[in-house]
Amino acid sequence: MKNPTSMIDIQRAPQSKISETNFDNLVFGQVFSDHMMECDYKNGEWQAPVIKPYGPLTLEPSARVFHYGQAVFEGMKAYKDNEDKIWLFRPDQNFERINRSSKRLAIPEFPKEYFFNALEELLKIDKDWIKKGFGNSLYLRPFVIATEAGVSASAAKEYKFMIICSPAQAYYSGEVRVKFSEKYSRAADGGVGFAKAAGNYGAQFYPTNLAKEEGFQQIIWTDANTHDYLEEAGTMNIFFRIGDKLVTAPTNDRILDGVTRKSVLTLAEEFDIETEVRRVSVQEIIDAAEKGELKEMFGSGTATVINPIAGFGYKDQKFELPKMEDSYARFFKDKLMKIQYNEAEDKFGWRYEVK
């Protein structure tokens, strides 16, 4: 394989859009930086990556992504510290996961050298879009789609791997309340729940809309077999604090192996917070809430980091959670963000500097 850095074709935008962007009033995922990375898979191999101005794609109406849903993605963030250094948080985990997702959907795995070299070049070109300050970041969306024309029901032979970038502040605002699902499930055994497949997210919008009509912002999915066990929220892994113990469901082929989730569990061990990774039943959480033992719930994810949950509902019951002075959610968010923004020691080697 040729040197991937020298192979990157860089086509700079003639003019930046950054002066037109209000960084004090960003809506998550609606504003994009000047450039994007694009790499095609043809003739059995990935071609040279291209960094080019952000803009529309031209695809055949018969491109297989439209018909058979071969599409996977990742979510990452780039951060800038007070010395203008650019950092990523555990990008190796995102790279490995997008290839696991790709493999499950019969998409060719992407070369590691292409991924990291193209990503770093893209971030250096669009570095002005990464704003300093706690909470500011550049959200990165790597994704792969099947581009081969044709509607025969088989895996495509042509694909497009892309990375687009969107300046971000906080993902959620206001208090979040969740509904425990009674009927709908996110994934089933043997399915693609562990993968960041686009269809996983498209399928959740209808049940989530039903929950929103009842005054909730998100759903916590229950298992497909019995609907007795809690698994994960719409865009987050989920944690429960019962007494002073932190409990979360195990990952499996139904639940996404979240990077932030793994980081929270590592930090909990570091700071001697008792954790249990096991199945969590709906009834257990209701019982704990009724006894006053359920101290807090929070979601974890790249976009949210840590998102406290103010209350939950199940069937006709609604529960409000206490407001904790010594909140685990606040503790973990502070620890994680200080590592991400290079404001604290990184003894785990999670930070990755873009040089």
Protein backbone atom coordinates (compact mmCIF):
# COMPACT_ATOMS: atom_id res chain seq x y z
CA MET A 1 0.00 0.00 0.00
CA LYS A 2 1.26 3.46 -0.85
CA ASN A 3 1.88 6.06 1.85
CA PRO A 4 -1.66 7.16 2.74
CA THR A 5 -0.74 10.75 3.62
CA SER A 6 0.88 11.40 0.25
CA MET A 7 -2.11 9.84 -1.48
CA ILE A 8 -4.65 12.27 -0.05
CA ASP A 9 -5.91 14.62 -2.75
CA ILE A 10 -6.66 17.95 -1.04
CA GLN A 11 -9.03 20.34 -2.82
CA ARG A 12 -9.49 23.48 -0.74
CA ALA A 13 -12.68 25.50 -0.65
CA PRO A 14 -12.22 28.84 -2.46
CA GLN A 15 -13.83 30.69 0.47
CA SER A 16 -14.67 29.76 4.05
CA LYS A 17 -18.23 29.86 5.42
CA ILE A 18 -17.01 30.37 8.97
CA SER A 19 -17.73 34.12 9.08
CA GLU A 20 -21.42 33.33 8.37
CA THR A 21 -21.68 30.98 11.36
CA ASN A 22 -23.05 32.07 14.73
CA PHE A 23 -21.09 29.91 17.15
CA ASP A 24 -23.12 31.24 20.09
CA ASN A 25 -26.37 29.84 18.71
CA LEU A 26 -25.64 26.46 17.16
CA VAL A 27 -28.32 23.84 16.53
CA PHE A 28 -26.71 20.42 16.82
CA GLY A 29 -25.84 18.84 13.48
CA GLN A 30 -27.18 21.56 11.18
CA VAL A 31 -24.05 23.59 10.38
CA PHE A 32 -21.05 21.98 8.64
CA SER A 33 -17.45 23.00 8.19
CA ASP A 34 -15.81 23.93 4.90
CA HIS A 35 -14.44 20.51 3.94
CA MET A 36 -15.27 16.82 3.97
CA MET A 37 -13.37 13.60 3.35
CA GLU A 38 -14.49 11.17 0.67
CA CYS A 39 -13.05 7.78 -0.29
CA ASP A 40 -14.54 5.30 -2.80
CA TYR A 41 -14.37 1.53 -2.84
CA LYS A 42 -14.14 0.22 -6.42
CA ASN A 43 -12.63 -2.79 -8.15
CA GLY A 44 -12.16 -4.56 -4.85
CA GLU A 45 -10.14 -1.89 -3.04
CA TRP A 46 -10.36 1.48 -1.37
CA GLN A 47 -9.16 4.29 -3.62
CA ALA A 48 -7.12 7.36 -2.59
CA PRO A 49 -8.95 9.58 -0.06
CA VAL A 50 -10.01 13.06 -1.17
CA ILE A 51 -10.54 16.12 1.02
CA LYS A 52 -12.82 18.52 -0.82
CA PRO A 53 -15.27 21.36 -0.17
CA TYR A 54 -18.38 20.26 1.70
CA GLY A 55 -21.21 19.85 -0.76
CA PRO A 56 -23.92 17.63 -2.27
CA LEU A 57 -23.33 14.12 -3.61
CA THR A 58 -24.50 12.73 -6.92
CA LEU A 59 -25.82 9.17 -6.67
CA GLU A 60 -27.83 6.92 -8.94
CA PRO A 61 -31.47 6.48 -7.82
CA SER A 62 -30.67 2.77 -7.83
CA ALA A 63 -27.74 3.16 -5.39
CA ARG A 64 -28.14 0.22 -3.07
CA VAL A 65 -28.02 2.29 0.10
CA PHE A 66 -31.51 3.54 -0.80
CA HIS A 67 -32.91 0.06 -1.31
CA TYR A 68 -31.13 -2.27 1.10
CA GLY A 69 -29.87 0.06 3.82
CA GLN A 70 -26.15 -0.70 3.68
CA ALA A 71 -25.09 2.28 5.76
CA VAL A 72 -23.13 2.59 9.02
CA PHE A 73 -21.75 5.59 10.87
CA GLU A 74 -19.81 6.81 13.88
CA GLY A 75 -19.91 9.82 16.19
CA MET A 76 -16.70 11.49 17.42
CA LYS A 77 -15.58 14.90 18.62
CA ALA A 78 -12.50 17.07 18.22
CA TYR A 79 -11.58 19.44 21.05
CA LYS A 80 -9.26 22.44 21.27
CA ASP A 81 -7.41 23.26 24.49
CA ASN A 82 -6.28 26.67 25.73
CA GLU A 83 -3.01 26.36 23.79
CA ASP A 84 -4.83 25.68 20.50
CA LYS A 85 -3.87 22.02 20.45
CA ILE A 86 -6.43 19.70 18.88
CA TRP A 87 -7.45 16.49 20.64
CA LEU A 88 -9.57 13.43 19.92
CA PHE A 89 -10.98 11.11 22.58
CA ARG A 90 -10.31 7.40 22.12
CA PRO A 91 -10.57 7.52 18.30
CA ASP A 92 -9.20 3.98 18.04
CA GLN A 93 -12.46 2.77 19.58
CA ASN A 94 -14.54 4.58 16.95
CA PHE A 95 -12.37 3.25 14.15
CA GLU A 96 -12.64 -0.33 15.38
CA ARG A 97 -16.40 -0.01 15.88
CA ILE A 98 -17.15 1.35 12.42
CA ASN A 99 -15.30 -1.60 10.96
CA ARG A 100 -17.24 -4.02 13.20
CA SER A 101 -20.45 -2.35 12.05
CA SER A 102 -19.31 -2.51 8.43
CA LYS A 103 -18.46 -6.20 8.66
CA ARG A 104 -21.93 -7.00 10.03
CA LEU A 105 -23.50 -5.26 7.02
CA ALA A 106 -21.12 -6.90 4.50
CA ILE A 107 -19.30 -3.60 3.86
CA PRO A 108 -15.51 -3.77 3.26
CA GLU A 109 -13.49 -2.65 6.27
CA PHE A 110 -11.68 0.68 5.95
CA PRO A 111 -7.85 0.85 6.26
CA LYS A 112 -6.62 2.28 9.56
CA GLU A 113 -3.92 4.41 7.88
CA TYR A 114 -6.47 6.01 5.56
CA PHE A 115 -8.84 6.74 8.44
CA PHE A 116 -6.36 8.44 10.76
CA ASN A 117 -4.33 10.28 8.14
CA ALA A 118 -7.36 11.62 6.30
CA LEU A 119 -9.10 12.56 9.55
CA GLU A 120 -6.05 14.45 10.83
CA GLU A 121 -5.59 16.31 7.54
CA LEU A 122 -9.27 17.25 7.54
CA LEU A 123 -9.06 18.59 11.10
CA LYS A 124 -5.93 20.60 10.36
CA ILE A 125 -7.57 22.22 7.34
CA ASP A 126 -10.77 23.03 9.27
CA LYS A 127 -9.07 23.77 12.62
CA ASP A 128 -10.69 27.21 12.91
CA TRP A 129 -14.06 25.48 13.21
CA ILE A 130 -12.94 23.92 16.51
CA LYS A 131 -13.62 26.56 19.14
CA LYS A 132 -11.93 26.70 22.51
CA GLY A 133 -13.95 26.55 25.71
CA PHE A 134 -15.57 23.84 27.82
CA GLY A 135 -18.49 22.38 25.90
CA ASN A 136 -17.37 23.58 22.47
CA SER A 137 -16.26 20.92 20.00
CA LEU A 138 -16.32 19.83 16.38
CA TYR A 139 -18.62 16.85 15.99
CA LEU A 140 -17.25 14.33 13.48
CA ARG A 141 -19.48 12.00 11.51
CA PRO A 142 -17.64 9.21 9.66
CA PHE A 143 -20.02 7.06 7.63
CA VAL A 144 -20.13 4.51 4.83
CA ILE A 145 -22.85 3.99 2.23
CA ALA A 146 -23.36 1.51 -0.60
CA THR A 147 -23.17 3.40 -3.89
CA GLU A 148 -23.30 0.68 -6.55
CA ALA A 149 -26.23 1.11 -8.93
CA GLY A 150 -28.69 -1.77 -9.13
CA VAL A 151 -31.67 -3.13 -7.24
CA SER A 152 -30.80 -6.81 -7.06
CA ALA A 153 -30.90 -7.96 -3.45
CA SER A 154 -27.23 -8.54 -2.74
CA ALA A 155 -24.34 -6.74 -1.09
CA ALA A 156 -22.94 -3.88 -3.15
CA LYS A 157 -19.51 -3.92 -4.77
CA GLU A 158 -19.02 -0.15 -4.53
CA TYR A 159 -19.07 2.08 -1.42
CA LYS A 160 -18.27 5.59 -0.27
CA PHE A 161 -16.58 6.35 3.06
CA MET A 162 -16.96 9.95 4.21
CA ILE A 163 -16.26 12.21 7.17
CA ILE A 164 -18.19 15.43 7.66
CA CYS A 165 -17.74 17.92 10.53
CA SER A 166 -20.23 20.02 12.47
CA PRO A 167 -19.41 22.60 15.20
CA ALA A 168 -21.25 21.73 18.40
CA GLN A 169 -22.14 22.94 21.86
CA ALA A 170 -24.44 21.02 24.24
CA TYR A 171 -26.53 18.29 22.59
CA TYR A 172 -29.55 18.30 24.89
CA SER A 173 -30.92 21.24 26.83
CA GLY A 174 -33.49 21.30 29.59
CA GLU A 175 -34.65 18.39 31.71
CA VAL A 176 -34.95 14.98 30.07
CA ARG A 177 -37.59 12.43 31.00
CA VAL A 178 -37.74 8.96 29.52
CA LYS A 179 -40.43 6.37 28.85
CA PHE A 180 -39.75 2.68 29.48
CA SER A 181 -40.88 0.89 26.33
CA GLU A 182 -43.73 -1.58 26.80
CA LYS A 183 -44.02 -2.77 23.20
CA TYR A 184 -41.20 -1.61 20.95
CA SER A 185 -37.62 -2.86 20.95
CA ARG A 186 -34.50 -1.41 19.42
CA ALA A 187 -32.95 -4.75 18.43
CA ALA A 188 -33.24 -8.51 18.82
CA ASP A 189 -30.80 -11.34 19.45
CA GLY A 190 -28.72 -12.07 16.37
CA GLY A 191 -29.55 -8.71 14.82
CA VAL A 192 -27.55 -5.53 14.26
CA GLY A 193 -28.17 -3.73 17.56
CA PHE A 194 -24.45 -3.73 18.41
CA ALA A 195 -23.65 -1.98 15.11
CA LYS A 196 -24.12 1.72 14.37
CA ALA A 197 -26.29 0.84 11.41
CA ALA A 198 -28.38 3.70 10.05
CA GLY A 199 -31.54 1.59 10.10
CA ASN A 200 -31.30 1.12 13.87
CA TYR A 201 -31.88 4.83 14.31
CA GLY A 202 -34.50 5.25 11.60
CA ALA A 203 -36.60 2.53 13.24
CA GLN A 204 -36.60 4.27 16.61
CA PHE A 205 -38.13 7.56 15.47
CA TYR A 206 -41.78 6.40 15.42
CA PRO A 207 -41.82 4.97 18.99
CA THR A 208 -39.89 8.02 20.18
CA ASN A 209 -42.50 10.32 18.62
CA LEU A 210 -45.22 8.41 20.50
CA ALA A 211 -43.29 8.94 23.74
CA LYS A 212 -42.91 12.64 22.98
CA GLU A 213 -46.69 12.95 22.64
CA GLU A 214 -46.86 11.80 26.28
CA GLY A 215 -44.35 14.44 27.41
CA PHE A 216 -41.15 12.37 27.34
CA GLN A 217 -37.99 13.20 25.39
CA GLN A 218 -36.59 9.70 24.92
CA ILE A 219 -37.35 6.00 25.19
CA ILE A 220 -35.46 3.41 27.17
CA TRP A 221 -35.75 0.25 25.12
CA THR A 222 -36.67 -3.08 26.66
CA ASP A 223 -35.61 -6.52 25.48
CA ALA A 224 -37.44 -7.94 22.47
CA ASN A 225 -38.26 -11.29 24.13
CA THR A 226 -40.12 -10.22 27.27
CA HIS A 227 -39.95 -6.40 27.52
CA ASP A 228 -38.98 -6.95 31.15
CA TYR A 229 -35.36 -5.74 30.95
CA LEU A 230 -34.00 -2.27 30.24
CA GLU A 231 -31.30 -2.00 27.60
CA GLU A 232 -30.40 1.46 26.26
CA ALA A 233 -31.92 4.83 25.45
CA GLY A 234 -32.50 6.21 21.95
CA THR A 235 -29.04 7.71 21.46
CA MET A 236 -27.40 6.76 24.75
CA ASN A 237 -26.28 3.92 26.95
CA ILE A 238 -28.06 4.13 30.28
CA PHE A 239 -26.88 4.04 33.91
CA PHE A 240 -28.86 3.67 37.15
CA ARG A 241 -27.64 4.70 40.61
CA ILE A 242 -29.30 2.48 43.18
CA GLY A 243 -28.12 3.64 46.58
CA ASP A 244 -24.47 4.37 45.86
CA LYS A 245 -24.11 1.51 43.39
CA LEU A 246 -23.89 2.21 39.65
CA VAL A 247 -25.71 -0.34 37.50
CA THR A 248 -25.82 -0.71 33.72
CA ALA A 249 -26.82 -3.40 31.26
CA PRO A 250 -24.13 -5.56 29.65
CA THR A 251 -23.26 -5.10 26.00
CA ASN A 252 -24.32 -7.87 23.64
CA ASP A 253 -25.52 -8.14 20.05
CA ARG A 254 -28.49 -5.88 20.93
CA ILE A 255 -26.69 -3.07 22.76
CA LEU A 256 -24.12 -0.63 21.42
CA ASP A 257 -20.68 -0.85 22.99
CA GLY A 258 -20.48 2.86 23.79
CA VAL A 259 -17.10 4.56 24.10
CA THR A 260 -18.38 6.93 26.80
CA ARG A 261 -20.02 3.99 28.60
CA LYS A 262 -16.72 2.12 28.78
CA SER A 263 -14.97 5.28 29.98
CA VAL A 264 -17.52 5.79 32.78
CA LEU A 265 -17.01 2.22 34.00
CA THR A 266 -13.23 2.70 34.00
CA LEU A 267 -13.51 5.96 35.94
CA ALA A 268 -15.90 4.35 38.43
CA GLU A 269 -13.33 1.66 39.13
CA GLU A 270 -10.58 4.29 39.45
CA PHE A 271 -12.57 6.22 42.06
CA ASP A 272 -13.87 3.18 43.97
CA ILE A 273 -17.49 3.59 42.93
CA GLU A 274 -19.18 0.19 43.09
CA THR A 275 -20.54 -0.94 39.73
CA GLU A 276 -22.59 -3.86 38.48
CA VAL A 277 -22.83 -4.75 34.79
CA ARG A 278 -25.87 -7.00 34.58
CA ARG A 279 -29.41 -7.24 33.32
CA VAL A 280 -31.62 -4.54 34.82
CA SER A 281 -35.34 -5.23 35.09
CA VAL A 282 -38.11 -2.69 34.76
CA GLN A 283 -39.60 -3.89 38.03
CA GLU A 284 -36.30 -3.50 39.89
CA ILE A 285 -36.07 0.17 38.90
CA ILE A 286 -39.72 0.84 39.76
CA ASP A 287 -39.25 -0.84 43.16
CA ALA A 288 -36.08 1.16 43.81
CA ALA A 289 -37.86 4.40 42.88
CA GLU A 290 -40.81 3.62 45.17
CA LYS A 291 -38.44 2.87 48.08
CA GLY A 292 -36.40 6.03 47.48
CA GLU A 293 -33.32 3.96 46.61
CA LEU A 294 -33.12 5.09 42.97
CA LYS A 295 -30.92 8.15 43.33
CA GLU A 296 -30.32 9.00 39.68
CA MET A 297 -30.35 7.87 36.08
CA PHE A 298 -28.20 9.22 33.29
CA GLY A 299 -27.36 8.51 29.70
CA SER A 300 -23.90 8.46 28.16
CA GLY A 301 -22.80 9.05 24.58
CA THR A 302 -20.45 11.03 22.38
CA ALA A 303 -22.91 13.81 21.62
CA THR A 304 -24.38 13.98 25.13
CA VAL A 305 -21.25 13.05 27.13
CA ILE A 306 -23.37 12.53 30.27
CA ASN A 307 -27.04 13.47 30.26
CA PRO A 308 -28.93 13.45 33.59
CA ILE A 309 -32.48 12.08 33.52
CA ALA A 310 -35.03 13.91 35.65
CA GLY A 311 -37.76 11.28 35.63
CA PHE A 312 -39.25 8.25 33.92
CA GLY A 313 -42.57 6.70 33.07
CA TYR A 314 -43.87 3.18 32.65
CA LYS A 315 -47.43 2.39 31.61
CA ASP A 316 -49.56 4.81 33.68
CA GLN A 317 -46.90 5.46 36.32
CA LYS A 318 -44.58 8.45 36.44
CA PHE A 319 -41.60 8.92 38.73
CA GLU A 320 -39.47 11.98 39.47
CA LEU A 321 -35.88 11.51 40.61
CA PRO A 322 -34.27 13.51 43.42
CA LYS A 323 -31.85 16.30 42.61
CA MET A 324 -28.53 15.07 43.99
CA GLU A 325 -25.86 17.36 45.39
CA ASP A 326 -23.25 14.62 44.92
CA SER A 327 -24.51 13.55 41.51
CA TYR A 328 -22.58 10.79 39.76
CA ALA A 329 -23.67 12.31 36.44
CA ARG A 330 -22.01 15.62 37.27
CA PHE A 331 -18.92 13.86 38.63
CA PHE A 332 -18.35 11.71 35.53
CA LYS A 333 -19.10 14.52 33.09
CA ASP A 334 -16.55 16.77 34.80
CA LYS A 335 -13.88 14.04 34.86
CA LEU A 336 -14.43 13.08 31.22
CA MET A 337 -14.52 16.61 29.86
CA LYS A 338 -11.38 17.65 31.71
CA ILE A 339 -9.57 14.75 30.06
CA GLN A 340 -11.07 15.56 26.66
CA TYR A 341 -10.06 19.23 26.86
CA ASN A 342 -6.55 18.50 28.18
CA GLU A 343 -7.31 20.05 31.57
CA ALA A 344 -6.54 16.95 33.64
CA GLU A 345 -4.11 14.07 33.71
CA ASP A 346 -4.92 11.31 31.23
CA LYS A 347 -3.57 8.23 32.98
CA PHE A 348 -5.56 5.95 30.67
CA GLY A 349 -4.04 7.18 27.41
CA TRP A 350 -7.43 8.21 26.01
CA ARG A 351 -6.37 11.54 24.48
CA TYR A 352 -5.08 11.58 20.92
CA GLU A 353 -3.32 14.73 19.72
CA VAL A 354 -3.77 15.89 16.14
CA LYS A 355 -0.36 17.25 15.14
